[in-house]
C-alpha cells in the first residue's frame, strides 16, 4: 500500500500539463516606404525634397538610423520623421508627420503644410 500511493501520485503528476509561458508581443514592423501619399504628400519624401518644399528646418535630430526634421511657420510647427528603407539602400524618407499650433495644441498637418508652402 505504501508503494502504490507514491506511484499513483507520480502517475497523476505525469498527466498534468505545465502552464504555457506568456507569449511576448510580436514586434511591430518598421514603417513602410510604399505608403500612399497623404498629409500634403510629404510621406515618402527625402530630406532634400522637404527642404525644397518647406525651407530650411529649424531643428534636426538624429536618433539611431532615423531623422526628425522640424519646420516652424508663423502659425504652426511641423515634425517630419524620416527612416531609411528596410534594405538600407537609399536615403531616409518621411514615414510620419505631426503638426501642432504654436500653443502646443495638435492641428491638421495638411493645414500646417499649406500655410508653410504659401509663405
PDB file of N, CA and C in Angstrom:
ATOM      1  N   UNK A   1       0.815  -1.185   0.000  1.00  0.00           N
ATOM      2  CA  UNK A   1       0.000   0.000   0.000  1.00  0.00           C
ATOM      3  C   UNK A   1       0.865   1.257   0.000  1.00  0.00           C
ATOM      4  N   UNK A   2       1.956   1.224   0.784  1.00  0.00           N
ATOM      5  CA  UNK A   2       2.830   2.377   0.822  1.00  0.00           C
ATOM      6  C   UNK A   2       3.438   2.648  -0.539  1.00  0.00           C
ATOM      7  N   UNK A   3       3.717   1.667  -1.301  1.00  0.00           N
ATOM      8  CA  UNK A   3       4.341   1.817  -2.607  1.00  0.00           C
ATOM      9  C   UNK A   3       3.358   2.293  -3.664  1.00  0.00           C
ATOM     10  N   UNK A   4       2.089   1.939  -3.555  1.00  0.00           N
ATOM     11  CA  UNK A   4       1.109   2.336  -4.560  1.00  0.00           C
ATOM     12  C   UNK A   4       0.703   3.799  -4.453  1.00  0.00           C
ATOM     13  N   UNK A   5       0.713   4.346  -3.264  1.00  0.00           N
ATOM     14  CA  UNK A   5       0.323   5.746  -3.099  1.00  0.00           C
ATOM     15  C   UNK A   5       1.315   6.702  -3.778  1.00  0.00           C
ATOM     16  N   UNK A   6       2.634   6.595  -3.560  1.00  0.00           N
ATOM     17  CA  UNK A   6       3.568   7.473  -4.286  1.00  0.00           C
ATOM     18  C   UNK A   6       3.544   7.213  -5.787  1.00  0.00           C
ATOM     19  N   UNK A   7       3.386   5.944  -6.148  1.00  0.00           N
ATOM     20  CA  UNK A   7       3.333   5.612  -7.568  1.00  0.00           C
ATOM     21  C   UNK A   7       2.116   6.259  -8.230  1.00  0.00           C
ATOM     22  N   UNK A   8       0.979   6.252  -7.556  1.00  0.00           N
ATOM     23  CA  UNK A   8      -0.242   6.860  -8.077  1.00  0.00           C
ATOM     24  C   UNK A   8      -0.068   8.374  -8.203  1.00  0.00           C
ATOM     25  N   UNK A   9       0.617   8.985  -7.215  1.00  0.00           N
ATOM     26  CA  UNK A   9       0.851  10.431  -7.270  1.00  0.00           C
ATOM     27  C   UNK A   9       1.734  10.777  -8.460  1.00  0.00           C
ATOM     28  N   UNK A  10       2.781   9.999  -8.698  1.00  0.00           N
ATOM     29  CA  UNK A  10       3.648  10.231  -9.857  1.00  0.00           C
ATOM     30  C   UNK A  10       2.897  10.038 -11.161  1.00  0.00           C
ATOM     31  N   UNK A  11       2.046   9.057 -11.205  1.00  0.00           N
ATOM     32  CA  UNK A  11       1.264   8.790 -12.402  1.00  0.00           C
ATOM     33  C   UNK A  11       0.324   9.963 -12.706  1.00  0.00           C
ATOM     34  N   UNK A  12      -0.315  10.507 -11.678  1.00  0.00           N
ATOM     35  CA  UNK A  12      -1.194  11.652 -11.866  1.00  0.00           C
ATOM     36  C   UNK A  12      -0.398  12.901 -12.235  1.00  0.00           C
ATOM     37  N   UNK A  13       0.773  13.076 -11.678  1.00  0.00           N
ATOM     38  CA  UNK A  13       1.599  14.246 -11.986  1.00  0.00           C
ATOM     39  C   UNK A  13       2.030  14.233 -13.454  1.00  0.00           C
ATOM     40  N   UNK A  14       2.214  13.069 -14.007  1.00  0.00           N
ATOM     41  CA  UNK A  14       2.599  12.958 -15.416  1.00  0.00           C
ATOM     42  C   UNK A  14       1.490  13.385 -16.360  1.00  0.00           C
ATOM     43  N   UNK A  15       0.256  13.360 -15.900  1.00  0.00           N
ATOM     44  CA  UNK A  15      -0.874  13.751 -16.733  1.00  0.00           C
ATOM     45  C   UNK A  15      -1.119  15.254 -16.715  1.00  0.00           C
ATOM     46  N   UNK A  16      -0.586  15.928 -15.741  1.00  0.00           N
ATOM     47  CA  UNK A  16      -0.799  17.375 -15.632  1.00  0.00           C
ATOM     48  C   UNK A  16      -0.021  18.100 -16.722  1.00  0.00           C
ATOM     49  N   UNK A  17      -0.584  19.182 -17.196  1.00  0.00           N
ATOM     50  CA  UNK A  17       0.107  19.978 -18.212  1.00  0.00           C
ATOM     51  C   UNK A  17       0.748  21.183 -17.556  1.00  0.00           C
ATOM     52  N   UNK A  18       1.898  21.508 -18.022  1.00  0.00           N
ATOM     53  CA  UNK A  18       2.598  22.679 -17.492  1.00  0.00           C
ATOM     54  C   UNK A  18       1.954  23.931 -18.064  1.00  0.00           C
ATOM     55  N   UNK A  19       1.856  24.985 -17.257  1.00  0.00           N
ATOM     56  CA  UNK A  19       1.284  26.216 -17.802  1.00  0.00           C
ATOM     57  C   UNK A  19       2.188  26.774 -18.900  1.00  0.00           C
ATOM     58  N   UNK A  20       1.566  27.254 -19.944  1.00  0.00           N
ATOM     59  CA  UNK A  20       2.371  27.793 -21.046  1.00  0.00           C
ATOM     60  C   UNK A  20       2.887  29.172 -20.664  1.00  0.00           C
ATOM     61  N   UNK A  21       4.147  29.455 -21.009  1.00  0.00           N
ATOM     62  CA  UNK A  21       4.698  30.771 -20.674  1.00  0.00           C
ATOM     63  C   UNK A  21       3.999  31.856 -21.487  1.00  0.00           C
ATOM     64  N   UNK A  22       3.862  33.054 -20.925  1.00  0.00           N
ATOM     65  CA  UNK A  22       3.214  34.128 -21.690  1.00  0.00           C
ATOM     66  C   UNK A  22       4.032  34.454 -22.937  1.00  0.00           C
ATOM     67  N   UNK A  23       3.316  34.658 -24.011  1.00  0.00           N
ATOM     68  CA  UNK A  23       3.998  34.942 -25.270  1.00  0.00           C
ATOM     69  C   UNK A  23       4.333  36.425 -25.355  1.00  0.00           C
ATOM     70  N   UNK A  24       5.542  36.688 -25.815  1.00  0.00           N
ATOM     71  CA  UNK A  24       5.972  38.074 -25.995  1.00  0.00           C
ATOM     72  C   UNK A  24       5.205  38.678 -27.166  1.00  0.00           C
ATOM     73  N   UNK A  25       4.864  39.965 -27.093  1.00  0.00           N
ATOM     74  CA  UNK A  25       4.162  40.584 -28.228  1.00  0.00           C
ATOM     75  C   UNK A  25       5.049  40.591 -29.462  1.00  0.00           C
ATOM     76  N   UNK A  26       4.416  40.436 -30.598  1.00  0.00           N
ATOM     77  CA  UNK A  26       5.157  40.455 -31.846  1.00  0.00           C
ATOM     78  C   UNK A  26       5.693  41.848 -32.106  1.00  0.00           C
ATOM     79  N   UNK A  27       6.931  41.945 -32.584  1.00  0.00           N
ATOM     80  CA  UNK A  27       7.475  43.281 -32.862  1.00  0.00           C
ATOM     81  C   UNK A  27       6.723  43.934 -34.010  1.00  0.00           C
ATOM     82  N   UNK A  28       6.554  45.243 -33.893  1.00  0.00           N
ATOM     83  CA  UNK A  28       5.876  45.993 -34.941  1.00  0.00           C
ATOM     84  C   UNK A  28       6.832  46.184 -36.107  1.00  0.00           C
ATOM     85  N   UNK A  29       6.356  45.988 -37.330  1.00  0.00           N
ATOM     86  CA  UNK A  29       7.241  46.204 -38.474  1.00  0.00           C
ATOM     87  C   UNK A  29       7.581  47.677 -38.606  1.00  0.00           C
ATOM     88  N   UNK A  30       8.760  47.981 -39.129  1.00  0.00           N
ATOM     89  CA  UNK A  30       9.099  49.390 -39.333  1.00  0.00           C
ATOM     90  C   UNK A  30       8.172  50.010 -40.367  1.00  0.00           C
ATOM     91  N   UNK A  31       8.059  51.330 -40.363  1.00  0.00           N
ATOM     92  CA  UNK A  31       7.158  51.982 -41.311  1.00  0.00           C
ATOM     93  C   UNK A  31       7.506  51.606 -42.746  1.00  0.00           C
ATOM     94  N   UNK A  32       6.463  51.401 -43.533  1.00  0.00           N
ATOM     95  CA  UNK A  32       6.701  51.067 -44.935  1.00  0.00           C
ATOM     96  C   UNK A  32       6.898  52.337 -45.738  1.00  0.00           C
ATOM     97  N   UNK A  33       7.746  52.254 -46.719  1.00  0.00           N
ATOM     98  CA  UNK A  33       8.023  53.409 -47.548  1.00  0.00           C
ATOM     99  C   UNK A  33       7.107  53.472 -48.769  1.00  0.00           C
ATOM    100  N   UNK A  34       6.265  52.442 -48.917  1.00  0.00           N
ATOM    101  CA  UNK A  34       5.387  52.429 -50.077  1.00  0.00           C
ATOM    102  C   UNK A  34       3.989  52.940 -49.729  1.00  0.00           C
ATOM    103  N   UNK A  35       3.880  53.686 -48.634  1.00  0.00           N
ATOM    104  CA  UNK A  35       2.582  54.225 -48.234  1.00  0.00           C
ATOM    105  C   UNK A  35       2.096  55.229 -49.273  1.00  0.00           C
ATOM    106  N   UNK A  36       0.785  55.272 -49.500  1.00  0.00           N
ATOM    107  CA  UNK A  36       0.275  56.231 -50.473  1.00  0.00           C
ATOM    108  C   UNK A  36       0.498  57.655 -49.980  1.00  0.00           C
ATOM    109  N   UNK A  37       0.658  58.602 -50.882  1.00  0.00           N
ATOM    110  CA  UNK A  37       0.864  59.992 -50.464  1.00  0.00           C
ATOM    111  C   UNK A  37      -0.311  60.477 -49.629  1.00  0.00           C
ATOM    112  N   UNK A  38       0.003  61.145 -48.547  1.00  0.00           N
ATOM    113  CA  UNK A  38      -1.011  61.716 -47.691  1.00  0.00           C
ATOM    114  C   UNK A  38      -0.390  62.839 -46.895  1.00  0.00           C
ATOM    115  N   UNK A  39      -1.209  63.524 -46.124  1.00  0.00           N
ATOM    116  CA  UNK A  39      -0.745  64.646 -45.311  1.00  0.00           C
ATOM    117  C   UNK A  39       0.087  65.618 -46.139  1.00  0.00           C
ATOM    118  N   UNK A  40      -0.505  66.070 -47.207  1.00  0.00           N
ATOM    119  CA  UNK A  40       0.173  67.047 -48.041  1.00  0.00           C
ATOM    120  C   UNK A  40       1.237  66.438 -48.925  1.00  0.00           C
ATOM    121  N   UNK A  41       1.148  65.142 -49.109  1.00  0.00           N
ATOM    122  CA  UNK A  41       2.092  64.415 -49.960  1.00  0.00           C
ATOM    123  C   UNK A  41       3.530  64.498 -49.466  1.00  0.00           C
ATOM    124  N   UNK A  42       3.724  64.606 -48.160  1.00  0.00           N
ATOM    125  CA  UNK A  42       5.075  64.592 -47.614  1.00  0.00           C
ATOM    126  C   UNK A  42       5.576  63.174 -47.376  1.00  0.00           C
ATOM    127  N   UNK A  43       4.669  62.238 -47.166  1.00  0.00           N
ATOM    128  CA  UNK A  43       5.054  60.862 -46.926  1.00  0.00           C
ATOM    129  C   UNK A  43       5.825  60.347 -48.138  1.00  0.00           C
ATOM    130  N   UNK A  44       7.015  59.807 -47.875  1.00  0.00           N
ATOM    131  CA  UNK A  44       7.846  59.269 -48.946  1.00  0.00           C
ATOM    132  C   UNK A  44       8.893  60.243 -49.451  1.00  0.00           C
ATOM    133  N   UNK A  45       8.832  61.517 -49.034  1.00  0.00           N
ATOM    134  CA  UNK A  45       9.815  62.496 -49.495  1.00  0.00           C
ATOM    135  C   UNK A  45      11.151  62.306 -48.771  1.00  0.00           C
ATOM    136  N   UNK A  46      12.223  62.702 -49.424  1.00  0.00           N
ATOM    137  CA  UNK A  46      13.546  62.714 -48.805  1.00  0.00           C
ATOM    138  C   UNK A  46      13.739  64.045 -48.075  1.00  0.00           C
ATOM    139  N   UNK A  47      14.803  64.135 -47.300  1.00  0.00           N
ATOM    140  CA  UNK A  47      15.086  65.376 -46.574  1.00  0.00           C
ATOM    141  C   UNK A  47      15.291  66.537 -47.539  1.00  0.00           C
ATOM    142  N   UNK A  48      15.996  66.315 -48.637  1.00  0.00           N
ATOM    143  CA  UNK A  48      16.234  67.408 -49.586  1.00  0.00           C
ATOM    144  C   UNK A  48      14.939  67.857 -50.258  1.00  0.00           C
ATOM    145  N   UNK A  49      14.024  66.930 -50.511  1.00  0.00           N
ATOM    146  CA  UNK A  49      12.726  67.302 -51.094  1.00  0.00           C
ATOM    147  C   UNK A  49      11.903  68.125 -50.103  1.00  0.00           C
ATOM    148  N   UNK A  50      11.990  67.767 -48.804  1.00  0.00           N
ATOM    149  CA  UNK A  50      11.296  68.557 -47.785  1.00  0.00           C
ATOM    150  C   UNK A  50      11.839  69.975 -47.727  1.00  0.00           C
ATOM    151  N   UNK A  51      13.157  70.109 -47.781  1.00  0.00           N
ATOM    152  CA  UNK A  51      13.785  71.430 -47.727  1.00  0.00           C
ATOM    153  C   UNK A  51      13.361  72.263 -48.934  1.00  0.00           C
ATOM    154  N   UNK A  52      13.279  71.643 -50.102  1.00  0.00           N
ATOM    155  CA  UNK A  52      12.832  72.359 -51.295  1.00  0.00           C
ATOM    156  C   UNK A  52      11.395  72.851 -51.122  1.00  0.00           C
ATOM    157  N   UNK A  53      10.573  72.057 -50.467  1.00  0.00           N
ATOM    158  CA  UNK A  53       9.151  72.401 -50.325  1.00  0.00           C
ATOM    159  C   UNK A  53       8.881  73.350 -49.163  1.00  0.00           C
ATOM    160  N   UNK A  54       9.573  73.132 -48.007  1.00  0.00           N
ATOM    161  CA  UNK A  54       9.240  73.873 -46.798  1.00  0.00           C
ATOM    162  C   UNK A  54      10.335  74.823 -46.314  1.00  0.00           C
ATOM    163  N   UNK A  55      11.497  74.767 -46.922  1.00  0.00           N
ATOM    164  CA  UNK A  55      12.600  75.616 -46.481  1.00  0.00           C
ATOM    165  C   UNK A  55      13.513  74.887 -45.508  1.00  0.00           C
ATOM    166  N   UNK A  56      14.444  75.616 -44.953  1.00  0.00           N
ATOM    167  CA  UNK A  56      15.425  75.037 -44.034  1.00  0.00           C
ATOM    168  C   UNK A  56      14.749  74.669 -42.712  1.00  0.00           C
ATOM    169  N   UNK A  57      14.986  73.451 -42.219  1.00  0.00           N
ATOM    170  CA  UNK A  57      14.373  73.072 -40.943  1.00  0.00           C
ATOM    171  C   UNK A  57      14.978  73.864 -39.785  1.00  0.00           C
ATOM    172  N   UNK A  58      14.147  74.145 -38.793  1.00  0.00           N
ATOM    173  CA  UNK A  58      14.608  74.854 -37.604  1.00  0.00           C
ATOM    174  C   UNK A  58      15.367  73.929 -36.665  1.00  0.00           C
ATOM    175  N   UNK A  59      15.137  72.631 -36.792  1.00  0.00           N
ATOM    176  CA  UNK A  59      15.742  71.659 -35.900  1.00  0.00           C
ATOM    177  C   UNK A  59      15.929  70.346 -36.633  1.00  0.00           C
ATOM    178  N   UNK A  60      17.076  69.706 -36.408  1.00  0.00           N
ATOM    179  CA  UNK A  60      17.353  68.373 -36.947  1.00  0.00           C
ATOM    180  C   UNK A  60      17.831  67.511 -35.796  1.00  0.00           C
ATOM    181  N   UNK A  61      17.193  66.364 -35.609  1.00  0.00           N
ATOM    182  CA  UNK A  61      17.591  65.450 -34.545  1.00  0.00           C
ATOM    183  C   UNK A  61      17.765  64.065 -35.155  1.00  0.00           C
ATOM    184  N   UNK A  62      18.938  63.478 -34.947  1.00  0.00           N
ATOM    185  CA  UNK A  62      19.192  62.127 -35.423  1.00  0.00           C
ATOM    186  C   UNK A  62      19.142  61.193 -34.220  1.00  0.00           C
ATOM    187  N   UNK A  63      18.314  60.160 -34.321  1.00  0.00           N
ATOM    188  CA  UNK A  63      18.206  59.136 -33.290  1.00  0.00           C
ATOM    189  C   UNK A  63      18.415  57.785 -33.955  1.00  0.00           C
ATOM    190  N   UNK A  64      19.558  57.196 -33.706  1.00  0.00           N
ATOM    191  CA  UNK A  64      19.869  55.922 -34.358  1.00  0.00           C
ATOM    192  C   UNK A  64      19.922  56.119 -35.858  1.00  0.00           C
ATOM    193  N   UNK A  65      19.103  55.364 -36.569  1.00  0.00           N
ATOM    194  CA  UNK A  65      19.063  55.472 -38.031  1.00  0.00           C
ATOM    195  C   UNK A  65      17.962  56.404 -38.514  1.00  0.00           C
ATOM    196  N   UNK A  66      17.182  56.971 -37.598  1.00  0.00           N
ATOM    197  CA  UNK A  66      16.078  57.851 -38.003  1.00  0.00           C
ATOM    198  C   UNK A  66      16.489  59.313 -37.906  1.00  0.00           C
ATOM    199  N   UNK A  67      15.709  60.167 -38.550  1.00  0.00           N
ATOM    200  CA  UNK A  67      15.969  61.603 -38.571  1.00  0.00           C
ATOM    201  C   UNK A  67      14.653  62.340 -38.377  1.00  0.00           C
ATOM    202  N   UNK A  68      14.654  63.319 -37.470  1.00  0.00           N
ATOM    203  CA  UNK A  68      13.481  64.170 -37.265  1.00  0.00           C
ATOM    204  C   UNK A  68      13.847  65.571 -37.742  1.00  0.00           C
ATOM    205  N   UNK A  69      13.022  66.107 -38.625  1.00  0.00           N
ATOM    206  CA  UNK A  69      13.185  67.481 -39.096  1.00  0.00           C
ATOM    207  C   UNK A  69      11.987  68.279 -38.606  1.00  0.00           C
ATOM    208  N   UNK A  70      12.268  69.424 -37.998  1.00  0.00           N
ATOM    209  CA  UNK A  70      11.196  70.273 -37.503  1.00  0.00           C
ATOM    210  C   UNK A  70      11.180  71.581 -38.287  1.00  0.00           C
ATOM    211  N   UNK A  71      10.006  71.917 -38.806  1.00  0.00           N
ATOM    212  CA  UNK A  71       9.811  73.148 -39.568  1.00  0.00           C
ATOM    213  C   UNK A  71       8.863  74.030 -38.765  1.00  0.00           C
ATOM    214  N   UNK A  72       9.210  75.308 -38.630  1.00  0.00           N
ATOM    215  CA  UNK A  72       8.393  76.244 -37.856  1.00  0.00           C
ATOM    216  C   UNK A  72       7.877  77.337 -38.773  1.00  0.00           C
ATOM    217  N   UNK A  73       6.577  77.460 -38.804  1.00  0.00           N
ATOM    218  CA  UNK A  73       5.945  78.522 -39.573  1.00  0.00           C
ATOM    219  C   UNK A  73       5.371  79.561 -38.629  1.00  0.00           C
ATOM    220  N   UNK A  74       4.750  80.578 -39.183  1.00  0.00           N
ATOM    221  CA  UNK A  74       4.174  81.627 -38.348  1.00  0.00           C
ATOM    222  C   UNK A  74       2.967  81.125 -37.548  1.00  0.00           C
ATOM    223  N   UNK A  75       2.295  80.083 -38.059  1.00  0.00           N
ATOM    224  CA  UNK A  75       1.092  79.572 -37.408  1.00  0.00           C
ATOM    225  C   UNK A  75       1.280  78.241 -36.697  1.00  0.00           C
ATOM    226  N   UNK A  76       2.233  77.428 -37.165  1.00  0.00           N
ATOM    227  CA  UNK A  76       2.323  76.069 -36.638  1.00  0.00           C
ATOM    228  C   UNK A  76       3.750  75.522 -36.713  1.00  0.00           C
ATOM    229  N   UNK A  77       3.911  74.346 -36.093  1.00  0.00           N
ATOM    230  CA  UNK A  77       5.182  73.626 -36.090  1.00  0.00           C
ATOM    231  C   UNK A  77       4.912  72.244 -36.670  1.00  0.00           C
ATOM    232  N   UNK A  78       5.759  71.814 -37.583  1.00  0.00           N
ATOM    233  CA  UNK A  78       5.595  70.528 -38.254  1.00  0.00           C
ATOM    234  C   UNK A  78       6.826  69.674 -37.991  1.00  0.00           C
ATOM    235  N   UNK A  79       6.607  68.443 -37.520  1.00  0.00           N
ATOM    236  CA  UNK A  79       7.682  67.474 -37.321  1.00  0.00           C
ATOM    237  C   UNK A  79       7.541  66.382 -38.367  1.00  0.00           C
ATOM    238  N   UNK A  80       8.615  66.133 -39.108  1.00  0.00           N
ATOM    239  CA  UNK A  80       8.643  65.065 -40.100  1.00  0.00           C
ATOM    240  C   UNK A  80       9.660  64.026 -39.643  1.00  0.00           C
ATOM    241  N   UNK A  81       9.248  62.762 -39.620  1.00  0.00           N
ATOM    242  CA  UNK A  81      10.103  61.671 -39.162  1.00  0.00           C
ATOM    243  C   UNK A  81      10.513  60.836 -40.366  1.00  0.00           C
ATOM    244  N   UNK A  82      11.815  60.747 -40.591  1.00  0.00           N
ATOM    245  CA  UNK A  82      12.354  60.043 -41.749  1.00  0.00           C
ATOM    246  C   UNK A  82      13.077  58.777 -41.292  1.00  0.00           C
ATOM    247  N   UNK A  83      12.887  57.702 -42.040  1.00  0.00           N
ATOM    248  CA  UNK A  83      13.516  56.423 -41.751  1.00  0.00           C
ATOM    249  C   UNK A  83      14.158  55.884 -43.022  1.00  0.00           C
ATOM    250  N   UNK A  84      15.249  55.113 -42.880  1.00  0.00           N
ATOM    251  CA  UNK A  84      15.868  54.516 -44.070  1.00  0.00           C
ATOM    252  C   UNK A  84      15.015  53.360 -44.584  1.00  0.00           C
ATOM    253  N   UNK A  85      15.181  53.011 -45.858  1.00  0.00           N
ATOM    254  CA  UNK A  85      14.447  51.851 -46.385  1.00  0.00           C
ATOM    255  C   UNK A  85      14.878  50.583 -45.655  1.00  0.00           C
ATOM    256  N   UNK A  86      14.054  49.564 -45.693  1.00  0.00           N
ATOM    257  CA  UNK A  86      14.352  48.300 -44.996  1.00  0.00           C
ATOM    258  C   UNK A  86      15.667  47.693 -45.441  1.00  0.00           C
ATOM    259  N   UNK A  87      15.982  47.800 -46.718  1.00  0.00           N
ATOM    260  CA  UNK A  87      17.228  47.194 -47.202  1.00  0.00           C
ATOM    261  C   UNK A  87      18.424  48.129 -47.019  1.00  0.00           C
ATOM    262  N   UNK A  88      18.208  49.266 -46.373  1.00  0.00           N
ATOM    263  CA  UNK A  88      19.254  50.252 -46.046  1.00  0.00           C
ATOM    264  C   UNK A  88      19.932  50.846 -47.275  1.00  0.00           C
ATOM    265  N   UNK A  89      19.307  50.734 -48.426  1.00  0.00           N
ATOM    266  CA  UNK A  89      19.876  51.375 -49.614  1.00  0.00           C
ATOM    267  C   UNK A  89      19.038  52.603 -49.936  1.00  0.00           C
ATOM    268  N   UNK A  90      19.692  53.696 -50.110  1.00  0.00           N
ATOM    269  CA  UNK A  90      18.980  54.926 -50.436  1.00  0.00           C
ATOM    270  C   UNK A  90      18.805  55.806 -49.220  1.00  0.00           C
ATOM    271  N   UNK A  91      18.302  57.006 -49.452  1.00  0.00           N
ATOM    272  CA  UNK A  91      18.156  57.989 -48.367  1.00  0.00           C
ATOM    273  C   UNK A  91      16.940  57.709 -47.486  1.00  0.00           C
ATOM    274  N   UNK A  92      16.944  58.329 -46.315  1.00  0.00           N
ATOM    275  CA  UNK A  92      15.770  58.251 -45.445  1.00  0.00           C
ATOM    276  C   UNK A  92      14.600  58.946 -46.132  1.00  0.00           C
ATOM    277  N   UNK A  93      13.409  58.464 -45.815  1.00  0.00           N
ATOM    278  CA  UNK A  93      12.193  59.052 -46.384  1.00  0.00           C
ATOM    279  C   UNK A  93      11.179  59.279 -45.274  1.00  0.00           C
ATOM    280  N   UNK A  94      10.299  60.262 -45.474  1.00  0.00           N
ATOM    281  CA  UNK A  94       9.292  60.604 -44.480  1.00  0.00           C
ATOM    282  C   UNK A  94       8.322  59.437 -44.321  1.00  0.00           C
ATOM    283  N   UNK A  95       8.157  59.014 -43.065  1.00  0.00           N
ATOM    284  CA  UNK A  95       7.218  57.943 -42.755  1.00  0.00           C
ATOM    285  C   UNK A  95       6.058  58.439 -41.898  1.00  0.00           C
ATOM    286  N   UNK A  96       6.260  59.578 -41.202  1.00  0.00           N
ATOM    287  CA  UNK A  96       5.216  60.090 -40.318  1.00  0.00           C
ATOM    288  C   UNK A  96       5.381  61.598 -40.177  1.00  0.00           C
ATOM    289  N   UNK A  97       4.244  62.294 -40.004  1.00  0.00           N
ATOM    290  CA  UNK A  97       4.247  63.753 -39.860  1.00  0.00           C
ATOM    291  C   UNK A  97       3.307  64.125 -38.717  1.00  0.00           C
ATOM    292  N   UNK A  98       3.759  65.023 -37.838  1.00  0.00           N
ATOM    293  CA  UNK A  98       2.930  65.584 -36.767  1.00  0.00           C
ATOM    294  C   UNK A  98       2.902  67.093 -36.925  1.00  0.00           C
ATOM    295  N   UNK A  99       1.805  67.709 -36.536  1.00  0.00           N
ATOM    296  CA  UNK A  99       1.706  69.175 -36.596  1.00  0.00           C
ATOM    297  C   UNK A  99       0.994  69.679 -35.353  1.00  0.00           C
ATOM    298  N   UNK A 100       1.421  70.854 -34.901  1.00  0.00           N
ATOM    299  CA  UNK A 100       0.795  71.483 -33.748  1.00  0.00           C
ATOM    300  C   UNK A 100       0.868  72.997 -33.899  1.00  0.00           C
ATOM    301  N   UNK A 101      -0.070  73.657 -33.257  1.00  0.00           N
ATOM    302  CA  UNK A 101      -0.053  75.115 -33.237  1.00  0.00           C
ATOM    303  C   UNK A 101       1.077  75.561 -32.318  1.00  0.00           C
ATOM    304  N   UNK A 102       1.426  76.817 -32.378  1.00  0.00           N
ATOM    305  CA  UNK A 102       2.497  77.333 -31.519  1.00  0.00           C
ATOM    306  C   UNK A 102       2.154  77.199 -30.045  1.00  0.00           C
ATOM    307  N   UNK A 103       0.866  77.113 -29.731  1.00  0.00           N
ATOM    308  CA  UNK A 103       0.423  76.927 -28.338  1.00  0.00           C
ATOM    309  C   UNK A 103       0.630  75.492 -27.865  1.00  0.00           C
ATOM    310  N   UNK A 104       0.914  74.572 -28.794  1.00  0.00           N
ATOM    311  CA  UNK A 104       1.122  73.169 -28.454  1.00  0.00           C
ATOM    312  C   UNK A 104      -0.057  72.277 -28.766  1.00  0.00           C
ATOM    313  N   UNK A 105      -1.177  72.842 -29.155  1.00  0.00           N
ATOM    314  CA  UNK A 105      -2.370  72.074 -29.489  1.00  0.00           C
ATOM    315  C   UNK A 105      -2.195  71.435 -30.858  1.00  0.00           C
ATOM    316  N   UNK A 106      -2.546  70.137 -30.954  1.00  0.00           N
ATOM    317  CA  UNK A 106      -2.431  69.449 -32.245  1.00  0.00           C
ATOM    318  C   UNK A 106      -3.307  70.119 -33.288  1.00  0.00           C
ATOM    319  N   UNK A 107      -2.845  70.066 -34.538  1.00  0.00           N
ATOM    320  CA  UNK A 107      -3.615  70.626 -35.647  1.00  0.00           C
ATOM    321  C   UNK A 107      -3.474  69.698 -36.847  1.00  0.00           C
ATOM    322  N   UNK A 108      -4.277  69.939 -37.846  1.00  0.00           N
ATOM    323  CA  UNK A 108      -4.255  69.137 -39.067  1.00  0.00           C
ATOM    324  C   UNK A 108      -2.948  69.390 -39.820  1.00  0.00           C
ATOM    325  N   UNK A 109      -2.161  68.354 -40.084  1.00  0.00           N
ATOM    326  CA  UNK A 109      -0.896  68.547 -40.793  1.00  0.00           C
ATOM    327  C   UNK A 109      -1.069  69.193 -42.164  1.00  0.00           C
ATOM    328  N   UNK A 110      -2.152  68.874 -42.868  1.00  0.00           N
ATOM    329  CA  UNK A 110      -2.352  69.450 -44.208  1.00  0.00           C
ATOM    330  C   UNK A 110      -2.497  70.959 -44.153  1.00  0.00           C
ATOM    331  N   UNK A 111      -3.223  71.450 -43.146  1.00  0.00           N
ATOM    332  CA  UNK A 111      -3.392  72.888 -42.986  1.00  0.00           C
ATOM    333  C   UNK A 111      -2.057  73.545 -42.664  1.00  0.00           C
ATOM    334  N   UNK A 112      -1.283  72.913 -41.805  1.00  0.00           N
ATOM    335  CA  UNK A 112       0.022  73.437 -41.429  1.00  0.00           C
ATOM    336  C   UNK A 112       0.952  73.483 -42.643  1.00  0.00           C
ATOM    337  N   UNK A 113       0.984  72.407 -43.399  1.00  0.00           N
ATOM    338  CA  UNK A 113       1.839  72.322 -44.591  1.00  0.00           C
ATOM    339  C   UNK A 113       1.433  73.399 -45.588  1.00  0.00           C
ATOM    340  N   UNK A 114       0.131  73.578 -45.791  1.00  0.00           N
ATOM    341  CA  UNK A 114      -0.353  74.581 -46.731  1.00  0.00           C
ATOM    342  C   UNK A 114       0.062  75.976 -46.292  1.00  0.00           C
ATOM    343  N   UNK A 115       0.021  76.261 -44.990  1.00  0.00           N
ATOM    344  CA  UNK A 115       0.406  77.595 -44.522  1.00  0.00           C
ATOM    345  C   UNK A 115       1.901  77.827 -44.695  1.00  0.00           C
ATOM    346  N   UNK A 116       2.697  76.785 -44.585  1.00  0.00           N
ATOM    347  CA  UNK A 116       4.144  76.922 -44.766  1.00  0.00           C
ATOM    348  C   UNK A 116       4.515  76.991 -46.249  1.00  0.00           C
ATOM    349  N   UNK A 117       3.807  76.262 -47.075  1.00  0.00           N
ATOM    350  CA  UNK A 117       4.117  76.238 -48.505  1.00  0.00           C
ATOM    351  C   UNK A 117       3.824  77.572 -49.162  1.00  0.00           C
ATOM    352  N   UNK A 118       2.827  78.290 -48.647  1.00  0.00           N
ATOM    353  CA  UNK A 118       2.466  79.595 -49.220  1.00  0.00           C
ATOM    354  C   UNK A 118       3.460  80.683 -48.825  1.00  0.00           C
ATOM    355  N   UNK A 119       4.069  80.498 -47.666  1.00  0.00           N
ATOM    356  CA  UNK A 119       4.974  81.537 -47.146  1.00  0.00           C
ATOM    357  C   UNK A 119       6.238  81.653 -47.973  1.00  0.00           C
TER     358      UNK A 119
END
